[in-house]
């Protein structure tokens, strides 16, 4: 998703209450008390989101897994505090005690962000650091424009890069991979 940072002359710290007070239909994320507005995603972004989430959900269903797949907009209260609130494109949560009707309280096991032109800084830098320190086990950055899938496995402290012609193994599962050559976004 495209992200626009709220420019402030003084660095005010915002809270989740400020996110909830946004006008109807306006979406934003909150990282360390700073608001980042979300733009409407592109059609390509949404097609990737649907394809990936469907493949993950189908795998979980077939294997009768206990993990749950959620797609944006879905609230993740990353640090269980009031200054961090994100809406990852795809969140996989395997601990049902973290879930309630408001969203996920704590770090999801696996997060996938699909890069949009306006979200590069957030996805590659701010969220990478935030997810890595919050306890997310695995973080994928899917960048269609660059023909690249970057996989951060925080549990194994590893980084792998793939192309859209590759099969990418999910680290949180022993036998699950996504063949990106089968994903059509046209």
C-alpha atoms as a PDB file:
ATOM      1  CA  UNK A   1       0.000   0.000   0.000  1.00  0.00           C
ATOM      2  CA  UNK A   2       1.132   3.534  -0.545  1.00  0.00           C
ATOM      3  CA  UNK A   3       2.088   5.250   2.668  1.00  0.00           C
ATOM      4  CA  UNK A   4       2.209   8.947   3.386  1.00  0.00           C
ATOM      5  CA  UNK A   5       3.782  10.127   6.637  1.00  0.00           C
ATOM      6  CA  UNK A   6       1.941  12.799   8.544  1.00  0.00           C
ATOM      7  CA  UNK A   7       4.214  15.817   8.483  1.00  0.00           C
ATOM      8  CA  UNK A   8       4.385  17.695  11.732  1.00  0.00           C
ATOM      9  CA  UNK A   9       6.380  20.748  12.673  1.00  0.00           C
ATOM     10  CA  UNK A  10       6.772  19.395  16.179  1.00  0.00           C
ATOM     11  CA  UNK A  11       7.207  15.697  16.757  1.00  0.00           C
ATOM     12  CA  UNK A  12       4.019  14.846  18.553  1.00  0.00           C
ATOM     13  CA  UNK A  13       3.523  11.307  19.809  1.00  0.00           C
ATOM     14  CA  UNK A  14       0.248   9.778  18.689  1.00  0.00           C
ATOM     15  CA  UNK A  15      -1.606   6.815  20.171  1.00  0.00           C
ATOM     16  CA  UNK A  16      -4.061   4.196  19.014  1.00  0.00           C
ATOM     17  CA  UNK A  17      -6.842   6.546  20.121  1.00  0.00           C
ATOM     18  CA  UNK A  18      -5.693   8.908  17.335  1.00  0.00           C
ATOM     19  CA  UNK A  19      -5.944   6.051  14.825  1.00  0.00           C
ATOM     20  CA  UNK A  20      -9.495   5.295  16.002  1.00  0.00           C
ATOM     21  CA  UNK A  21     -10.371   9.009  15.729  1.00  0.00           C
ATOM     22  CA  UNK A  22      -9.491   9.194  12.006  1.00  0.00           C
ATOM     23  CA  UNK A  23     -12.355  10.125   9.686  1.00  0.00           C
ATOM     24  CA  UNK A  24     -14.443   7.248   8.327  1.00  0.00           C
ATOM     25  CA  UNK A  25     -12.618   5.455   5.512  1.00  0.00           C
ATOM     26  CA  UNK A  26      -9.178   6.926   6.292  1.00  0.00           C
ATOM     27  CA  UNK A  27      -6.544   4.365   7.211  1.00  0.00           C
ATOM     28  CA  UNK A  28      -3.174   4.788   8.847  1.00  0.00           C
ATOM     29  CA  UNK A  29      -0.561   2.884  10.782  1.00  0.00           C
ATOM     30  CA  UNK A  30       1.216   3.949  13.943  1.00  0.00           C
ATOM     31  CA  UNK A  31       4.888   3.161  14.503  1.00  0.00           C
ATOM     32  CA  UNK A  32       6.576   4.420  17.643  1.00  0.00           C
ATOM     33  CA  UNK A  33       3.907   7.082  18.016  1.00  0.00           C
ATOM     34  CA  UNK A  34       4.171   8.435  14.452  1.00  0.00           C
ATOM     35  CA  UNK A  35       1.225   8.240  12.050  1.00  0.00           C
ATOM     36  CA  UNK A  36       1.689   6.953   8.484  1.00  0.00           C
ATOM     37  CA  UNK A  37      -1.363   7.282   6.235  1.00  0.00           C
ATOM     38  CA  UNK A  38      -2.217   4.442   3.860  1.00  0.00           C
ATOM     39  CA  UNK A  39      -3.231   5.078   0.264  1.00  0.00           C
ATOM     40  CA  UNK A  40      -5.642   2.928  -1.698  1.00  0.00           C
ATOM     41  CA  UNK A  41      -3.835  -0.164  -3.058  1.00  0.00           C
ATOM     42  CA  UNK A  42      -3.490  -0.849  -6.783  1.00  0.00           C
ATOM     43  CA  UNK A  43      -5.233  -3.636  -8.638  1.00  0.00           C
ATOM     44  CA  UNK A  44      -1.930  -5.544  -8.971  1.00  0.00           C
ATOM     45  CA  UNK A  45      -1.398  -5.238  -5.225  1.00  0.00           C
ATOM     46  CA  UNK A  46      -4.863  -6.624  -4.522  1.00  0.00           C
ATOM     47  CA  UNK A  47      -4.460  -9.512  -6.957  1.00  0.00           C
ATOM     48  CA  UNK A  48      -1.187 -10.509  -5.288  1.00  0.00           C
ATOM     49  CA  UNK A  49      -2.814 -10.188  -1.873  1.00  0.00           C
ATOM     50  CA  UNK A  50      -5.696 -12.441  -2.861  1.00  0.00           C
ATOM     51  CA  UNK A  51      -3.494 -15.072  -4.556  1.00  0.00           C
ATOM     52  CA  UNK A  52      -1.014 -15.334  -1.699  1.00  0.00           C
ATOM     53  CA  UNK A  53      -3.590 -15.340   1.088  1.00  0.00           C
ATOM     54  CA  UNK A  54      -5.647 -17.976  -0.726  1.00  0.00           C
ATOM     55  CA  UNK A  55      -2.609 -20.274  -1.140  1.00  0.00           C
ATOM     56  CA  UNK A  56      -1.716 -19.936   2.534  1.00  0.00           C
ATOM     57  CA  UNK A  57      -5.298 -20.437   3.741  1.00  0.00           C
ATOM     58  CA  UNK A  58      -5.739 -23.479   1.468  1.00  0.00           C
ATOM     59  CA  UNK A  59      -2.549 -25.036   2.879  1.00  0.00           C
ATOM     60  CA  UNK A  60      -3.724 -24.453   6.451  1.00  0.00           C
ATOM     61  CA  UNK A  61      -7.182 -25.869   5.703  1.00  0.00           C
ATOM     62  CA  UNK A  62      -5.863 -28.980   3.935  1.00  0.00           C
ATOM     63  CA  UNK A  63      -3.502 -29.696   6.839  1.00  0.00           C
ATOM     64  CA  UNK A  64      -6.130 -28.812   9.444  1.00  0.00           C
ATOM     65  CA  UNK A  65      -3.726 -26.314  10.957  1.00  0.00           C
ATOM     66  CA  UNK A  66      -4.492 -23.998  13.822  1.00  0.00           C
ATOM     67  CA  UNK A  67      -2.976 -20.892  12.227  1.00  0.00           C
ATOM     68  CA  UNK A  68      -5.227 -18.153  10.929  1.00  0.00           C
ATOM     69  CA  UNK A  69      -4.686 -15.929   7.882  1.00  0.00           C
ATOM     70  CA  UNK A  70      -5.867 -12.331   8.013  1.00  0.00           C
ATOM     71  CA  UNK A  71      -5.604  -9.716   5.291  1.00  0.00           C
ATOM     72  CA  UNK A  72      -5.560  -5.932   5.505  1.00  0.00           C
ATOM     73  CA  UNK A  73      -7.302  -4.082   6.874  1.00  0.00           C
ATOM     74  CA  UNK A  74      -6.635  -6.150   9.982  1.00  0.00           C
ATOM     75  CA  UNK A  75      -5.345  -4.562  13.186  1.00  0.00           C
ATOM     76  CA  UNK A  76      -2.088  -5.788  14.675  1.00  0.00           C
ATOM     77  CA  UNK A  77      -1.231  -4.284  18.050  1.00  0.00           C
ATOM     78  CA  UNK A  78       2.385  -5.273  17.619  1.00  0.00           C
ATOM     79  CA  UNK A  79       3.884  -4.533  21.014  1.00  0.00           C
ATOM     80  CA  UNK A  80       0.715  -4.546  23.118  1.00  0.00           C
ATOM     81  CA  UNK A  81       1.213  -0.830  23.716  1.00  0.00           C
ATOM     82  CA  UNK A  82      -0.662   2.236  22.543  1.00  0.00           C
ATOM     83  CA  UNK A  83       1.956   3.672  20.149  1.00  0.00           C
ATOM     84  CA  UNK A  84       2.269   0.796  17.651  1.00  0.00           C
ATOM     85  CA  UNK A  85      -0.538  -0.298  15.347  1.00  0.00           C
ATOM     86  CA  UNK A  86      -0.020  -1.804  11.898  1.00  0.00           C
ATOM     87  CA  UNK A  87      -2.177  -3.357   9.195  1.00  0.00           C
ATOM     88  CA  UNK A  88       0.081  -5.859   7.395  1.00  0.00           C
ATOM     89  CA  UNK A  89      -1.116  -6.999   3.984  1.00  0.00           C
ATOM     90  CA  UNK A  90      -1.106 -10.617   5.209  1.00  0.00           C
ATOM     91  CA  UNK A  91      -0.756 -11.802   8.810  1.00  0.00           C
ATOM     92  CA  UNK A  92      -0.538 -15.442   9.841  1.00  0.00           C
ATOM     93  CA  UNK A  93      -1.168 -15.990  13.534  1.00  0.00           C
ATOM     94  CA  UNK A  94      -0.707 -19.442  15.058  1.00  0.00           C
ATOM     95  CA  UNK A  95      -1.480 -18.581  18.684  1.00  0.00           C
ATOM     96  CA  UNK A  96      -5.260 -18.135  18.993  1.00  0.00           C
ATOM     97  CA  UNK A  97      -4.855 -16.449  22.397  1.00  0.00           C
ATOM     98  CA  UNK A  98      -3.460 -13.387  20.563  1.00  0.00           C
ATOM     99  CA  UNK A  99      -6.701 -12.923  18.622  1.00  0.00           C
ATOM    100  CA  UNK A 100      -9.909 -11.164  19.504  1.00  0.00           C
ATOM    101  CA  UNK A 101     -12.523  -9.166  17.619  1.00  0.00           C
ATOM    102  CA  UNK A 102     -10.252  -6.102  17.522  1.00  0.00           C
ATOM    103  CA  UNK A 103      -7.325  -7.933  15.891  1.00  0.00           C
ATOM    104  CA  UNK A 104      -4.021  -9.487  16.903  1.00  0.00           C
ATOM    105  CA  UNK A 105      -2.399  -8.516  20.204  1.00  0.00           C
ATOM    106  CA  UNK A 106       1.293  -9.264  19.834  1.00  0.00           C
ATOM    107  CA  UNK A 107       3.474 -10.374  16.959  1.00  0.00           C
ATOM    108  CA  UNK A 108       2.026 -12.554  14.180  1.00  0.00           C
ATOM    109  CA  UNK A 109       4.122 -15.577  13.237  1.00  0.00           C
ATOM    110  CA  UNK A 110       4.401 -14.599   9.572  1.00  0.00           C
ATOM    111  CA  UNK A 111       3.830 -11.262   7.866  1.00  0.00           C
ATOM    112  CA  UNK A 112       3.798 -10.513   4.148  1.00  0.00           C
ATOM    113  CA  UNK A 113       3.910  -6.947   2.855  1.00  0.00           C
ATOM    114  CA  UNK A 114       3.302  -6.261  -0.833  1.00  0.00           C
ATOM    115  CA  UNK A 115       5.308  -3.236  -1.919  1.00  0.00           C
ATOM    116  CA  UNK A 116       3.591  -0.291  -3.557  1.00  0.00           C
ATOM    117  CA  UNK A 117       5.424   2.759  -4.896  1.00  0.00           C
ATOM    118  CA  UNK A 118       4.621   4.774  -1.782  1.00  0.00           C
ATOM    119  CA  UNK A 119       5.307   2.017   0.766  1.00  0.00           C
ATOM    120  CA  UNK A 120       8.933   1.121  -0.047  1.00  0.00           C
ATOM    121  CA  UNK A 121      10.497   3.014   2.868  1.00  0.00           C
ATOM    122  CA  UNK A 122       7.995   1.529   5.296  1.00  0.00           C
ATOM    123  CA  UNK A 123       8.226  -2.059   4.031  1.00  0.00           C
ATOM    124  CA  UNK A 124      12.004  -2.241   3.552  1.00  0.00           C
ATOM    125  CA  UNK A 125      13.113  -0.233   6.583  1.00  0.00           C
ATOM    126  CA  UNK A 126      10.647   0.839   9.281  1.00  0.00           C
ATOM    127  CA  UNK A 127       8.531  -2.309   9.262  1.00  0.00           C
ATOM    128  CA  UNK A 128      11.543  -4.590   8.824  1.00  0.00           C
ATOM    129  CA  UNK A 129      13.084  -3.218  12.000  1.00  0.00           C
ATOM    130  CA  UNK A 130       9.757  -3.135  13.856  1.00  0.00           C
ATOM    131  CA  UNK A 131       8.760  -6.685  12.907  1.00  0.00           C
ATOM    132  CA  UNK A 132      12.205  -8.055  13.688  1.00  0.00           C
ATOM    133  CA  UNK A 133      12.264  -6.583  17.190  1.00  0.00           C
ATOM    134  CA  UNK A 134       8.599  -7.337  17.990  1.00  0.00           C
ATOM    135  CA  UNK A 135       8.939 -11.131  17.677  1.00  0.00           C
ATOM    136  CA  UNK A 136       7.577 -11.813  14.171  1.00  0.00           C
ATOM    137  CA  UNK A 137       9.095 -15.146  13.127  1.00  0.00           C
ATOM    138  CA  UNK A 138       9.107 -14.567   9.355  1.00  0.00           C
ATOM    139  CA  UNK A 139       8.670 -11.485   7.154  1.00  0.00           C
ATOM    140  CA  UNK A 140       8.282 -11.496   3.371  1.00  0.00           C
ATOM    141  CA  UNK A 141       8.547  -8.373   1.243  1.00  0.00           C
ATOM    142  CA  UNK A 142       6.919  -9.007  -2.132  1.00  0.00           C
ATOM    143  CA  UNK A 143       8.070  -6.416  -4.671  1.00  0.00           C
ATOM    144  CA  UNK A 144       6.420  -6.975  -8.040  1.00  0.00           C
ATOM    145  CA  UNK A 145       8.166  -4.010  -9.710  1.00  0.00           C
ATOM    146  CA  UNK A 146      11.601  -5.385  -8.759  1.00  0.00           C
ATOM    147  CA  UNK A 147      10.636  -9.028  -9.479  1.00  0.00           C
ATOM    148  CA  UNK A 148      11.809  -9.850  -5.985  1.00  0.00           C
ATOM    149  CA  UNK A 149      10.599 -11.630  -2.878  1.00  0.00           C
ATOM    150  CA  UNK A 150      12.782 -10.948   0.156  1.00  0.00           C
ATOM    151  CA  UNK A 151      12.390 -13.419   3.003  1.00  0.00           C
ATOM    152  CA  UNK A 152      13.595 -12.559   6.484  1.00  0.00           C
ATOM    153  CA  UNK A 153      13.579 -15.559   8.813  1.00  0.00           C
ATOM    154  CA  UNK A 154      14.133 -13.883  12.160  1.00  0.00           C
ATOM    155  CA  UNK A 155      14.230 -17.213  14.039  1.00  0.00           C
ATOM    156  CA  UNK A 156      17.174 -18.440  12.000  1.00  0.00           C
ATOM    157  CA  UNK A 157      18.627 -14.957  11.466  1.00  0.00           C
ATOM    158  CA  UNK A 158      18.645 -15.479   7.703  1.00  0.00           C
ATOM    159  CA  UNK A 159      17.806 -13.497   4.589  1.00  0.00           C
ATOM    160  CA  UNK A 160      16.978 -15.003   1.189  1.00  0.00           C
ATOM    161  CA  UNK A 161      15.946 -13.331  -2.066  1.00  0.00           C
ATOM    162  CA  UNK A 162      13.852 -14.878  -4.812  1.00  0.00           C
ATOM    163  CA  UNK A 163      12.357 -13.920  -8.167  1.00  0.00           C
ATOM    164  CA  UNK A 164       8.779 -14.305  -9.364  1.00  0.00           C
ATOM    165  CA  UNK A 165       9.918 -17.417 -11.249  1.00  0.00           C
ATOM    166  CA  UNK A 166      10.963 -19.191  -8.026  1.00  0.00           C
ATOM    167  CA  UNK A 167       9.361 -21.392  -5.411  1.00  0.00           C
ATOM    168  CA  UNK A 168       9.625 -19.815  -1.978  1.00  0.00           C
ATOM    169  CA  UNK A 169       9.505 -22.004   1.123  1.00  0.00           C
ATOM    170  CA  UNK A 170       7.646 -20.739   4.153  1.00  0.00           C
ATOM    171  CA  UNK A 171       9.896 -21.107   7.176  1.00  0.00           C
ATOM    172  CA  UNK A 172       7.091 -21.512   9.698  1.00  0.00           C
ATOM    173  CA  UNK A 173       5.987 -24.750   7.958  1.00  0.00           C
ATOM    174  CA  UNK A 174       8.065 -27.800   7.106  1.00  0.00           C
ATOM    175  CA  UNK A 175       6.459 -28.615   3.765  1.00  0.00           C
ATOM    176  CA  UNK A 176       4.867 -25.463   2.356  1.00  0.00           C
ATOM    177  CA  UNK A 177       6.141 -23.357  -0.486  1.00  0.00           C
ATOM    178  CA  UNK A 178       4.595 -20.860  -2.853  1.00  0.00           C
ATOM    179  CA  UNK A 179       5.443 -21.160  -6.531  1.00  0.00           C
ATOM    180  CA  UNK A 180       5.466 -17.529  -7.648  1.00  0.00           C
ATOM    181  CA  UNK A 181       5.634 -18.581 -11.315  1.00  0.00           C
ATOM    182  CA  UNK A 182       2.026 -19.756 -10.912  1.00  0.00           C
ATOM    183  CA  UNK A 183       0.821 -16.383  -9.666  1.00  0.00           C
ATOM    184  CA  UNK A 184      -0.759 -14.236 -12.345  1.00  0.00           C
ATOM    185  CA  UNK A 185      -1.278 -10.554 -11.638  1.00  0.00           C
ATOM    186  CA  UNK A 186      -2.203  -9.486 -15.164  1.00  0.00           C
END
